[in-house]
């Protein structure tokens, strides 16, 4: 499923200045980064910015006894919006997002049942892949990236994990009182069954 989402371009997020609530500490304006990325502000003073987050390879699902983790791999293209509306891309960041997964059995349209999931942000690591403004320490914006992950990336990914993977069942059979537990590299569904004979 992760491969399908990534190949289809679903794991892409464009964050524009008007999408960021004014109440959030981080704002997409170079003035916000004046003290942390001085080189960016010096070259593009008081300019609006946008971020394009793109998956670079399929996400991975790691299952161990008692828990499951979903890891996302991507890049963040940092662009400055110029006065004429064009974009300049001074920075590209590498991004790995680590999340915790809660899996559950859900019934979609009709009687189709799926194993769906919700992910919760755990942590992220960032690296500098490209810079036209010189080298800088990316750790100074770690908290900003964490906030953007929780506010933008995680909600988008959860839209797809909520769709789930279909559970193959015999016609008329439904899973009830289902519970999912994790073992080494597998998820076990413990469930009761109900049966309604097809007319």
Protein backbone atom coordinates (compact mmCIF):
# COMPACT_ATOMS: atom_id res chain seq x y z
CA UNK A 1 0.00 0.00 0.00
CA UNK A 2 2.84 2.37 0.82
CA UNK A 3 4.33 1.75 -2.63
CA UNK A 4 0.99 2.53 -4.31
CA UNK A 5 0.54 5.77 -2.37
CA UNK A 6 4.07 6.96 -3.16
CA UNK A 7 3.96 6.00 -6.82
CA UNK A 8 0.61 7.73 -7.28
CA UNK A 9 2.05 10.95 -5.90
CA UNK A 10 -0.34 10.86 -2.97
CA UNK A 11 2.36 11.51 -0.39
CA UNK A 12 2.94 15.07 -1.49
CA UNK A 13 2.09 18.17 0.51
CA UNK A 14 2.33 21.80 -0.60
CA UNK A 15 2.29 24.23 2.32
CA UNK A 16 1.62 27.86 1.40
CA UNK A 17 1.67 30.88 3.73
CA UNK A 18 -2.13 31.17 3.88
CA UNK A 19 -2.38 27.56 5.12
CA UNK A 20 -0.42 28.30 8.29
CA UNK A 21 -2.65 29.63 11.10
CA UNK A 22 -1.42 32.88 12.57
CA UNK A 23 -1.52 31.27 16.02
CA UNK A 24 1.24 28.83 15.10
CA UNK A 25 4.73 29.84 16.26
CA UNK A 26 6.28 29.09 12.85
CA UNK A 27 5.35 31.28 9.89
CA UNK A 28 6.36 30.98 6.24
CA UNK A 29 8.23 34.25 5.93
CA UNK A 30 11.99 34.64 5.79
CA UNK A 31 11.71 37.17 8.63
CA UNK A 32 10.73 34.30 10.94
CA UNK A 33 14.11 32.65 10.22
CA UNK A 34 16.12 35.86 10.62
CA UNK A 35 17.88 34.63 13.75
CA UNK A 36 18.15 30.91 12.86
CA UNK A 37 18.99 30.94 9.14
CA UNK A 38 20.57 34.36 8.76
CA UNK A 39 21.82 33.56 5.25
CA UNK A 40 18.26 33.02 4.03
CA UNK A 41 16.99 36.30 5.43
CA UNK A 42 20.03 38.22 4.17
CA UNK A 43 19.40 37.13 0.56
CA UNK A 44 15.60 37.24 0.68
CA UNK A 45 14.55 39.76 3.36
CA UNK A 46 10.89 39.67 4.43
CA UNK A 47 9.76 37.35 1.62
CA UNK A 48 6.95 34.82 1.82
CA UNK A 49 7.86 31.16 1.43
CA UNK A 50 6.25 27.86 0.52
CA UNK A 51 7.25 24.28 1.29
CA UNK A 52 6.77 21.28 -0.99
CA UNK A 53 7.09 17.92 0.75
CA UNK A 54 7.53 14.94 -1.52
CA UNK A 55 7.99 11.24 -0.75
CA UNK A 56 11.24 9.93 -2.21
CA UNK A 57 10.59 6.23 -1.63
CA UNK A 58 7.80 4.04 -0.30
CA UNK A 59 7.16 4.28 3.44
CA UNK A 60 8.01 1.28 5.58
CA UNK A 61 5.96 -0.52 8.21
CA UNK A 62 7.95 -2.21 10.98
CA UNK A 63 6.03 -4.58 13.27
CA UNK A 64 7.52 -5.82 16.52
CA UNK A 65 5.84 -7.41 19.54
CA UNK A 66 3.52 -4.86 21.11
CA UNK A 67 3.85 -2.05 18.58
CA UNK A 68 4.16 -0.98 14.97
CA UNK A 69 6.03 1.94 13.42
CA UNK A 70 5.48 3.70 10.11
CA UNK A 71 8.48 5.55 8.62
CA UNK A 72 8.18 8.16 5.87
CA UNK A 73 11.07 9.24 3.64
CA UNK A 74 10.99 12.50 1.73
CA UNK A 75 12.41 15.84 0.75
CA UNK A 76 11.31 19.37 1.63
CA UNK A 77 11.81 21.94 -1.13
CA UNK A 78 12.00 25.37 0.49
CA UNK A 79 10.99 28.07 -1.99
CA UNK A 80 10.89 31.84 -1.65
CA UNK A 81 8.03 33.67 -3.37
CA UNK A 82 9.53 36.58 -5.30
CA UNK A 83 7.72 39.92 -5.82
CA UNK A 84 6.81 38.92 -9.40
CA UNK A 85 5.26 35.66 -8.18
CA UNK A 86 8.09 33.42 -9.37
CA UNK A 87 9.78 30.94 -7.05
CA UNK A 88 13.40 30.64 -6.00
CA UNK A 89 14.43 27.40 -4.27
CA UNK A 90 17.44 28.11 -2.03
CA UNK A 91 17.20 25.01 0.18
CA UNK A 92 16.24 21.33 -0.09
CA UNK A 93 16.05 19.28 3.10
CA UNK A 94 16.07 15.53 3.52
CA UNK A 95 13.34 14.38 5.88
CA UNK A 96 12.64 11.09 7.69
CA UNK A 97 9.47 11.00 9.81
CA UNK A 98 9.00 8.30 12.45
CA UNK A 99 5.48 7.52 13.60
CA UNK A 100 3.56 5.12 15.81
CA UNK A 101 0.71 3.14 14.20
CA UNK A 102 -2.66 2.20 15.64
CA UNK A 103 -4.38 -0.44 13.48
CA UNK A 104 -8.08 -1.29 13.66
CA UNK A 105 -10.77 -3.13 11.71
CA UNK A 106 -13.30 -0.84 10.06
CA UNK A 107 -16.37 -1.34 7.88
CA UNK A 108 -16.49 0.84 4.78
CA UNK A 109 -19.30 1.29 2.28
CA UNK A 110 -21.60 -1.71 2.29
CA UNK A 111 -20.11 -4.62 4.21
CA UNK A 112 -16.48 -4.42 3.05
CA UNK A 113 -14.17 -4.59 6.05
CA UNK A 114 -10.65 -3.22 6.04
CA UNK A 115 -7.63 -3.01 8.29
CA UNK A 116 -7.15 0.73 8.64
CA UNK A 117 -4.74 2.78 10.68
CA UNK A 118 -3.96 6.05 12.38
CA UNK A 119 -0.41 7.30 12.76
CA UNK A 120 0.95 9.53 15.50
CA UNK A 121 4.10 11.62 15.17
CA UNK A 122 7.09 10.42 17.18
CA UNK A 123 10.12 12.24 15.77
CA UNK A 124 11.82 13.45 12.61
CA UNK A 125 15.37 13.78 11.35
CA UNK A 126 16.44 16.37 8.81
CA UNK A 127 19.52 16.86 6.67
CA UNK A 128 20.73 19.50 4.23
CA UNK A 129 20.63 18.13 0.68
CA UNK A 130 21.09 21.38 -1.25
CA UNK A 131 21.70 25.03 -0.45
CA UNK A 132 22.37 28.05 -2.63
CA UNK A 133 22.90 30.22 0.46
CA UNK A 134 25.77 28.25 1.95
CA UNK A 135 25.99 25.62 4.67
CA UNK A 136 24.02 26.05 7.89
CA UNK A 137 23.14 23.94 10.92
CA UNK A 138 19.74 22.38 10.23
CA UNK A 139 19.29 21.46 13.90
CA UNK A 140 18.26 25.07 14.57
CA UNK A 141 14.97 24.45 12.73
CA UNK A 142 14.27 20.98 14.17
CA UNK A 143 11.39 22.22 16.33
CA UNK A 144 9.86 24.02 13.34
CA UNK A 145 9.99 20.85 11.26
CA UNK A 146 8.43 18.83 14.08
CA UNK A 147 5.55 21.29 14.24
CA UNK A 148 5.01 21.20 10.47
CA UNK A 149 4.98 17.40 10.59
CA UNK A 150 2.25 17.30 13.21
CA UNK A 151 0.16 20.04 11.60
CA UNK A 152 0.44 19.09 7.93
CA UNK A 153 2.19 15.82 7.05
CA UNK A 154 0.54 13.52 9.59
CA UNK A 155 -3.06 14.62 8.80
CA UNK A 156 -2.49 14.07 5.07
CA UNK A 157 -1.02 10.59 5.59
CA UNK A 158 -3.87 9.67 7.91
CA UNK A 159 -6.34 10.36 5.10
CA UNK A 160 -4.78 7.47 3.22
CA UNK A 161 -4.18 5.06 6.09
CA UNK A 162 -7.86 5.47 7.04
CA UNK A 163 -8.82 3.95 3.67
CA UNK A 164 -7.21 0.70 4.77
CA UNK A 165 -6.52 -2.67 3.17
CA UNK A 166 -9.47 -4.97 2.37
CA UNK A 167 -9.91 -8.11 4.47
CA UNK A 168 -10.77 -11.11 2.27
CA UNK A 169 -13.81 -12.81 3.81
CA UNK A 170 -16.46 -15.22 2.59
CA UNK A 171 -19.77 -13.70 1.53
CA UNK A 172 -22.13 -13.15 4.44
CA UNK A 173 -19.35 -13.29 7.04
CA UNK A 174 -18.42 -10.22 9.07
CA UNK A 175 -15.79 -9.67 11.73
CA UNK A 176 -17.05 -8.41 15.11
CA UNK A 177 -15.31 -7.51 18.38
CA UNK A 178 -12.01 -7.48 16.52
CA UNK A 179 -8.67 -6.82 18.21
CA UNK A 180 -5.26 -6.45 16.56
CA UNK A 181 -2.05 -7.42 18.32
CA UNK A 182 1.51 -7.21 17.03
CA UNK A 183 4.10 -9.97 16.89
CA UNK A 184 7.50 -10.13 15.21
CA UNK A 185 6.83 -8.95 11.64
CA UNK A 186 3.12 -9.72 11.72
CA UNK A 187 -0.22 -8.36 12.91
CA UNK A 188 -2.70 -10.82 14.39
CA UNK A 189 -6.45 -10.16 14.17
CA UNK A 190 -8.42 -11.83 16.99
CA UNK A 191 -12.12 -11.70 16.22
CA UNK A 192 -15.57 -13.17 16.51
CA UNK A 193 -17.62 -13.81 13.41
CA UNK A 194 -21.20 -13.17 12.48
CA UNK A 195 -22.92 -14.81 9.54
CA UNK A 196 -25.92 -13.69 7.59
CA UNK A 197 -27.04 -16.10 4.91
CA UNK A 198 -27.31 -14.43 1.53
CA UNK A 199 -30.86 -14.55 0.12
